[in-house]
Amino acid sequence: MLLLRSRYIFVSFGLLLFSCKSAVETVVMQPQILETDTVFKAQKNENTELRVFNIPKAESAAGKDTGDLQVFKLNLGDQPLAIQPDANDPGKLITEFAFAGFINSQHTAALVQLQDNSGLVAPFYIVSLDGETAKAYSLYRGSKGPQDSRFTKGQSEIGRSGYLVNNDFFVTRVDGRVYKLARQEPDQRIQGLHFMNSADRQTLVFLVNSALYQVHYPSGKTYTQPLPSSAPTKPSGLFAWIQQNLVWERDKDQVLWLKSGAADNRVRNLNEFKK
């Protein structure tokens, strides 16, 4: 009887020891603010890699009802990744994301969005390999725009080029570049509807008050094309009006700008106008 009990204790201890060794520690990232335009080009490490998983809603933590939204998780090799969004609240760790997608061909950096409805829109971060660990960078710029609630829309895909994030950042999808968009007003994110793009998708056009505010994100250059009172006010009618009355012109640096074509008799190529 004593022998059996000793074997039972030994087996139980062995299982406990095995389970402790099998437990995988979560890597917690405290985000840094992304101060300048940045290129994320870390190379894959032989010992680890950044992984993105799309998980079924039924497996979401605590049985959360995520509706029709997808749920993503990130790993550093076999270790789960978590973002600690508030340095003053170390107990709040985010391990599930509403969006996650790689932004470079090496698959060493990803754009992610938290599952958080406490603000205008859930925060965005770049998660990138850094040696054998990972770091998170916050895509946040304070704004006091009177119409922030209208124009803070999260991320939208600009073709295969990248993502427009909250009218404040452009994130490329292939070479891991993150650009801070030049604002009309320093303390306000762009207060306008993203309306169209140049053919090379490097000039973003925003419909603001009676004008088209244009941002060439690689250079940071901007141009504003006023709209006459005769131009349609609804976007559906305005697009056709632009095709007939404005033209894309290159400046001395070969940057495309949408400008008045009132005195221009060239035949317009409608394929140049990208929504």
Protein backbone atom coordinates (compact mmCIF):
# COMPACT_ATOMS: atom_id res chain seq x y z
CA MET A 1 0.00 0.00 0.00
CA LEU A 2 2.83 2.36 0.92
CA LEU A 3 4.62 1.47 -2.30
CA LEU A 4 1.55 2.27 -4.40
CA ARG A 5 1.08 5.57 -2.60
CA SER A 6 4.75 6.44 -3.19
CA ARG A 7 4.37 5.67 -6.90
CA TYR A 8 1.21 7.80 -7.04
CA ILE A 9 3.01 10.73 -5.40
CA PHE A 10 5.97 10.33 -7.77
CA VAL A 11 3.73 10.22 -10.86
CA SER A 12 1.72 13.24 -9.65
CA PHE A 13 4.91 15.19 -9.00
CA GLY A 14 6.18 14.26 -12.45
CA LEU A 15 3.00 15.45 -14.12
CA LEU A 16 3.12 18.71 -12.19
CA LEU A 17 6.74 19.24 -13.15
CA PHE A 18 5.95 18.50 -16.80
CA SER A 19 3.02 20.93 -16.85
CA CYS A 20 5.20 23.69 -15.35
CA LYS A 21 7.83 23.13 -18.00
CA SER A 22 5.14 23.10 -20.70
CA ALA A 23 3.64 26.42 -19.61
CA VAL A 24 4.48 29.12 -22.19
CA GLU A 25 5.21 32.58 -20.84
CA THR A 26 3.41 35.51 -22.47
CA VAL A 27 5.65 38.26 -23.84
CA VAL A 28 4.30 41.63 -22.65
CA MET A 29 5.03 44.73 -24.75
CA GLN A 30 4.80 48.28 -23.41
CA PRO A 31 4.18 50.47 -26.49
CA GLN A 32 6.44 53.30 -27.53
CA ILE A 33 5.13 56.38 -29.37
CA LEU A 34 6.12 56.45 -33.03
CA GLU A 35 7.62 59.93 -33.29
CA THR A 36 8.80 60.00 -36.92
CA ASP A 37 8.34 58.21 -40.24
CA THR A 38 9.80 54.75 -39.74
CA VAL A 39 10.80 51.73 -41.81
CA PHE A 40 10.32 48.33 -40.18
CA LYS A 41 12.76 46.00 -41.91
CA ALA A 42 13.93 43.53 -39.27
CA GLN A 43 15.11 40.22 -40.69
CA LYS A 44 13.74 36.91 -39.48
CA ASN A 45 15.62 35.44 -36.56
CA GLU A 46 16.71 31.82 -36.63
CA ASN A 47 15.40 31.31 -33.11
CA THR A 48 11.99 32.96 -33.38
CA GLU A 49 9.45 34.52 -35.70
CA LEU A 50 6.39 36.75 -35.60
CA ARG A 51 3.18 34.81 -36.16
CA VAL A 52 -0.37 36.03 -36.79
CA PHE A 53 -3.35 33.77 -36.15
CA ASN A 54 -7.00 34.24 -37.11
CA ILE A 55 -8.94 32.35 -34.43
CA PRO A 56 -12.60 31.24 -34.36
CA LYS A 57 -14.93 33.53 -32.39
CA ALA A 58 -15.87 30.59 -30.18
CA GLU A 59 -12.27 30.46 -28.90
CA SER A 60 -12.20 34.15 -27.97
CA ALA A 61 -11.16 34.78 -24.36
CA ALA A 62 -13.92 34.71 -21.75
CA GLY A 63 -16.45 33.79 -24.43
CA LYS A 64 -16.72 37.35 -25.67
CA ASP A 65 -19.37 37.98 -28.29
CA THR A 66 -17.43 39.59 -31.11
CA GLY A 67 -20.37 39.66 -33.52
CA ASP A 68 -19.20 39.41 -37.12
CA LEU A 69 -15.71 40.73 -36.31
CA GLN A 70 -12.66 38.54 -36.72
CA VAL A 71 -10.35 37.81 -33.82
CA PHE A 72 -6.56 37.69 -34.20
CA LYS A 73 -3.71 36.64 -31.93
CA LEU A 74 0.04 37.19 -32.22
CA ASN A 75 2.89 34.96 -31.17
CA LEU A 76 6.63 35.41 -30.84
CA GLY A 77 7.57 31.89 -31.87
CA ASP A 78 5.48 29.76 -29.49
CA GLN A 79 5.02 32.55 -26.94
CA PRO A 80 1.79 34.59 -26.99
CA LEU A 81 2.23 38.34 -27.37
CA ALA A 82 0.32 40.88 -25.27
CA ILE A 83 0.17 44.67 -25.39
CA GLN A 84 -0.03 46.64 -22.16
CA PRO A 85 -1.75 49.81 -23.46
CA ASP A 86 -1.62 51.72 -20.15
CA ALA A 87 1.65 51.86 -18.20
CA ASN A 88 -0.35 52.76 -15.09
CA ASP A 89 -2.48 49.63 -15.37
CA PRO A 90 -0.09 46.65 -15.62
CA GLY A 91 -2.97 44.24 -15.08
CA LYS A 92 -4.61 45.19 -18.37
CA LEU A 93 -3.05 43.05 -21.08
CA ILE A 94 -4.46 42.76 -24.60
CA THR A 95 -3.89 39.42 -26.30
CA GLU A 96 -6.70 39.52 -28.88
CA PHE A 97 -6.96 41.94 -31.76
CA ALA A 98 -9.72 43.09 -34.08
CA PHE A 99 -7.26 43.37 -36.97
CA ALA A 100 -3.75 42.11 -37.69
CA GLY A 101 -1.81 42.06 -40.95
CA PHE A 102 1.85 41.91 -41.95
CA ILE A 103 3.30 45.10 -43.44
CA ASN A 104 6.56 43.82 -44.89
CA SER A 105 7.62 40.94 -47.11
CA GLN A 106 9.82 39.50 -44.35
CA HIS A 107 6.73 39.05 -42.13
CA THR A 108 8.59 40.64 -39.22
CA ALA A 109 6.21 43.55 -38.58
CA ALA A 110 2.42 43.76 -38.40
CA LEU A 111 -0.26 46.42 -38.09
CA VAL A 112 -2.70 45.53 -35.31
CA GLN A 113 -5.84 47.06 -33.82
CA LEU A 114 -6.99 46.38 -30.28
CA GLN A 115 -10.46 45.15 -29.42
CA ASP A 116 -11.48 48.24 -27.48
CA ASN A 117 -14.60 50.39 -27.86
CA SER A 118 -13.83 52.90 -25.13
CA GLY A 119 -12.76 55.68 -27.52
CA LEU A 120 -13.64 57.00 -30.97
CA VAL A 121 -11.97 53.97 -32.50
CA ALA A 122 -9.81 51.20 -31.06
CA PRO A 123 -6.07 52.03 -30.96
CA PHE A 124 -3.58 50.84 -33.59
CA TYR A 125 -0.04 49.61 -33.09
CA ILE A 126 2.87 48.30 -35.10
CA VAL A 127 4.31 45.09 -33.63
CA SER A 128 7.81 44.33 -34.87
CA LEU A 129 10.58 41.86 -34.22
CA ASP A 130 13.58 43.35 -32.44
CA GLY A 131 16.34 40.78 -32.21
CA GLU A 132 14.89 37.82 -30.34
CA THR A 133 12.06 39.81 -28.80
CA ALA A 134 9.22 42.01 -30.08
CA LYS A 135 8.28 45.67 -29.56
CA ALA A 136 5.05 47.60 -30.02
CA TYR A 137 4.74 51.15 -31.36
CA SER A 138 1.63 53.26 -30.91
CA LEU A 139 0.04 54.92 -33.95
CA TYR A 140 -1.52 57.76 -31.99
CA ARG A 141 -1.43 61.52 -32.44
CA GLY A 142 -3.50 63.76 -30.23
CA SER A 143 -6.22 65.69 -32.04
CA LYS A 144 -8.67 68.44 -31.16
CA GLY A 145 -10.52 68.43 -34.47
CA PRO A 146 -14.18 69.51 -34.28
CA GLN A 147 -15.16 66.58 -36.54
CA ASP A 148 -12.83 63.90 -35.19
CA SER A 149 -15.79 61.64 -34.44
CA ARG A 150 -16.74 61.74 -38.12
CA PHE A 151 -13.33 61.25 -39.68
CA THR A 152 -11.65 58.89 -37.22
CA LYS A 153 -12.59 55.68 -39.01
CA GLY A 154 -9.86 53.20 -38.22
CA GLN A 155 -8.01 51.61 -41.13
CA SER A 156 -8.98 51.45 -44.79
CA GLU A 157 -7.06 49.65 -47.51
CA ILE A 158 -5.66 51.76 -50.36
CA GLY A 159 -5.52 49.08 -53.02
CA ARG A 160 -2.45 46.93 -52.55
CA SER A 161 -0.34 49.91 -51.48
CA GLY A 162 -1.21 49.98 -47.81
CA TYR A 163 -3.50 51.24 -45.09
CA LEU A 164 -4.80 54.70 -44.25
CA VAL A 165 -5.14 54.85 -40.45
CA ASN A 166 -7.45 57.43 -38.86
CA ASN A 167 -6.62 60.10 -41.48
CA ASP A 168 -3.27 60.42 -39.67
CA PHE A 169 -0.94 57.65 -40.86
CA PHE A 170 -0.20 55.71 -44.01
CA VAL A 171 1.25 52.20 -43.58
CA THR A 172 2.63 50.37 -46.60
CA ARG A 173 1.90 46.68 -47.04
CA VAL A 174 5.16 45.43 -48.60
CA ASP A 175 8.19 47.35 -47.33
CA GLY A 176 7.11 48.18 -43.77
CA ARG A 177 7.04 51.96 -44.05
CA VAL A 178 4.93 54.08 -41.71
CA TYR A 179 4.29 57.73 -42.63
CA LYS A 180 2.76 60.47 -40.51
CA LEU A 181 0.41 62.40 -42.80
CA ALA A 182 0.90 66.15 -43.01
CA ARG A 183 -2.04 67.85 -41.33
CA GLN A 184 -3.83 71.01 -42.41
CA GLU A 185 -3.84 72.14 -38.79
CA PRO A 186 -1.09 70.94 -36.42
CA ASP A 187 -3.48 70.01 -33.60
CA GLN A 188 -6.10 68.30 -35.79
CA ARG A 189 -6.09 65.11 -37.81
CA ILE A 190 -7.29 65.72 -41.36
CA GLN A 191 -10.89 66.91 -41.12
CA GLY A 192 -12.10 65.50 -44.39
CA LEU A 193 -13.33 62.45 -46.26
CA HIS A 194 -10.66 60.38 -47.99
CA PHE A 195 -12.01 60.71 -51.49
CA MET A 196 -9.58 59.45 -54.10
CA ASN A 197 -5.92 58.73 -54.95
CA SER A 198 -3.45 59.43 -57.72
CA ALA A 199 -2.73 56.66 -60.20
CA ASP A 200 0.48 55.76 -58.33
CA ARG A 201 -1.52 55.86 -55.06
CA GLN A 202 1.08 58.10 -53.42
CA THR A 203 -1.11 61.22 -53.36
CA LEU A 204 -4.17 60.93 -51.12
CA VAL A 205 -7.04 63.34 -51.76
CA PHE A 206 -9.37 64.45 -48.97
CA LEU A 207 -12.62 66.33 -49.46
CA VAL A 208 -12.54 69.17 -46.93
CA ASN A 209 -14.58 72.38 -46.76
CA SER A 210 -14.99 73.52 -50.40
CA ALA A 211 -11.57 72.15 -51.34
CA LEU A 212 -9.51 69.05 -52.10
CA TYR A 213 -6.67 68.71 -49.59
CA GLN A 214 -3.94 66.52 -51.06
CA VAL A 215 -1.08 64.77 -49.27
CA HIS A 216 1.89 63.12 -50.97
CA TYR A 217 2.79 60.84 -48.10
CA PRO A 218 6.34 59.80 -49.19
CA SER A 219 7.55 63.42 -49.27
CA GLY A 220 5.16 65.10 -46.83
CA LYS A 221 4.26 67.70 -49.46
CA THR A 222 0.69 69.01 -49.65
CA TYR A 223 -1.48 70.94 -52.08
CA THR A 224 -5.00 72.35 -51.73
CA GLN A 225 -7.25 72.70 -54.78
CA PRO A 226 -10.21 75.00 -54.11
CA LEU A 227 -13.60 73.92 -55.46
CA PRO A 228 -15.97 76.43 -57.06
CA SER A 229 -19.47 76.92 -55.72
CA SER A 230 -20.80 75.26 -58.88
CA ALA A 231 -19.16 71.92 -57.98
CA PRO A 232 -21.54 69.23 -56.66
CA THR A 233 -21.57 68.85 -52.89
CA LYS A 234 -22.35 65.13 -52.80
CA PRO A 235 -19.36 62.80 -53.32
CA SER A 236 -21.17 60.72 -55.95
CA GLY A 237 -21.70 63.74 -58.20
CA LEU A 238 -18.37 65.34 -57.35
CA PHE A 239 -16.31 62.43 -58.67
CA ALA A 240 -17.79 62.77 -62.16
CA TRP A 241 -17.35 66.55 -61.99
CA ILE A 242 -13.66 66.15 -61.10
CA GLN A 243 -13.12 63.83 -64.06
CA GLN A 244 -14.40 66.55 -66.37
CA ASN A 245 -12.87 69.62 -64.76
CA LEU A 246 -9.60 68.67 -63.06
CA VAL A 247 -6.42 66.99 -64.28
CA TRP A 248 -3.49 65.22 -62.66
CA GLU A 249 -0.27 67.19 -63.13
CA ARG A 250 3.30 66.38 -62.10
CA ASP A 251 5.44 68.99 -60.40
CA LYS A 252 9.23 69.34 -60.79
CA ASP A 253 9.69 66.46 -58.33
CA GLN A 254 7.33 64.23 -60.34
CA VAL A 255 4.66 64.35 -57.63
CA LEU A 256 1.09 64.08 -58.92
CA TRP A 257 -1.41 66.78 -57.92
CA LEU A 258 -5.05 67.16 -58.88
CA LYS A 259 -5.42 70.68 -60.32
CA SER A 260 -7.84 72.82 -62.23
CA GLY A 261 -8.00 71.91 -65.90
CA ALA A 262 -10.17 74.81 -67.07
CA ALA A 263 -7.62 75.87 -69.68
CA ASP A 264 -6.46 72.37 -70.48
CA ASN A 265 -7.74 70.81 -73.69
CA ARG A 266 -6.03 67.45 -73.30
CA VAL A 267 -8.11 64.29 -73.65
CA ARG A 268 -8.54 62.98 -70.13
CA ASN A 269 -7.67 59.42 -69.23
CA LEU A 270 -10.37 58.43 -66.79
CA ASN A 271 -8.18 55.59 -65.51
CA GLU A 272 -6.03 58.23 -63.83
CA PHE A 273 -8.83 58.89 -61.35
CA LYS A 274 -8.69 56.30 -58.56
CA LYS A 275 -11.26 56.09 -55.82
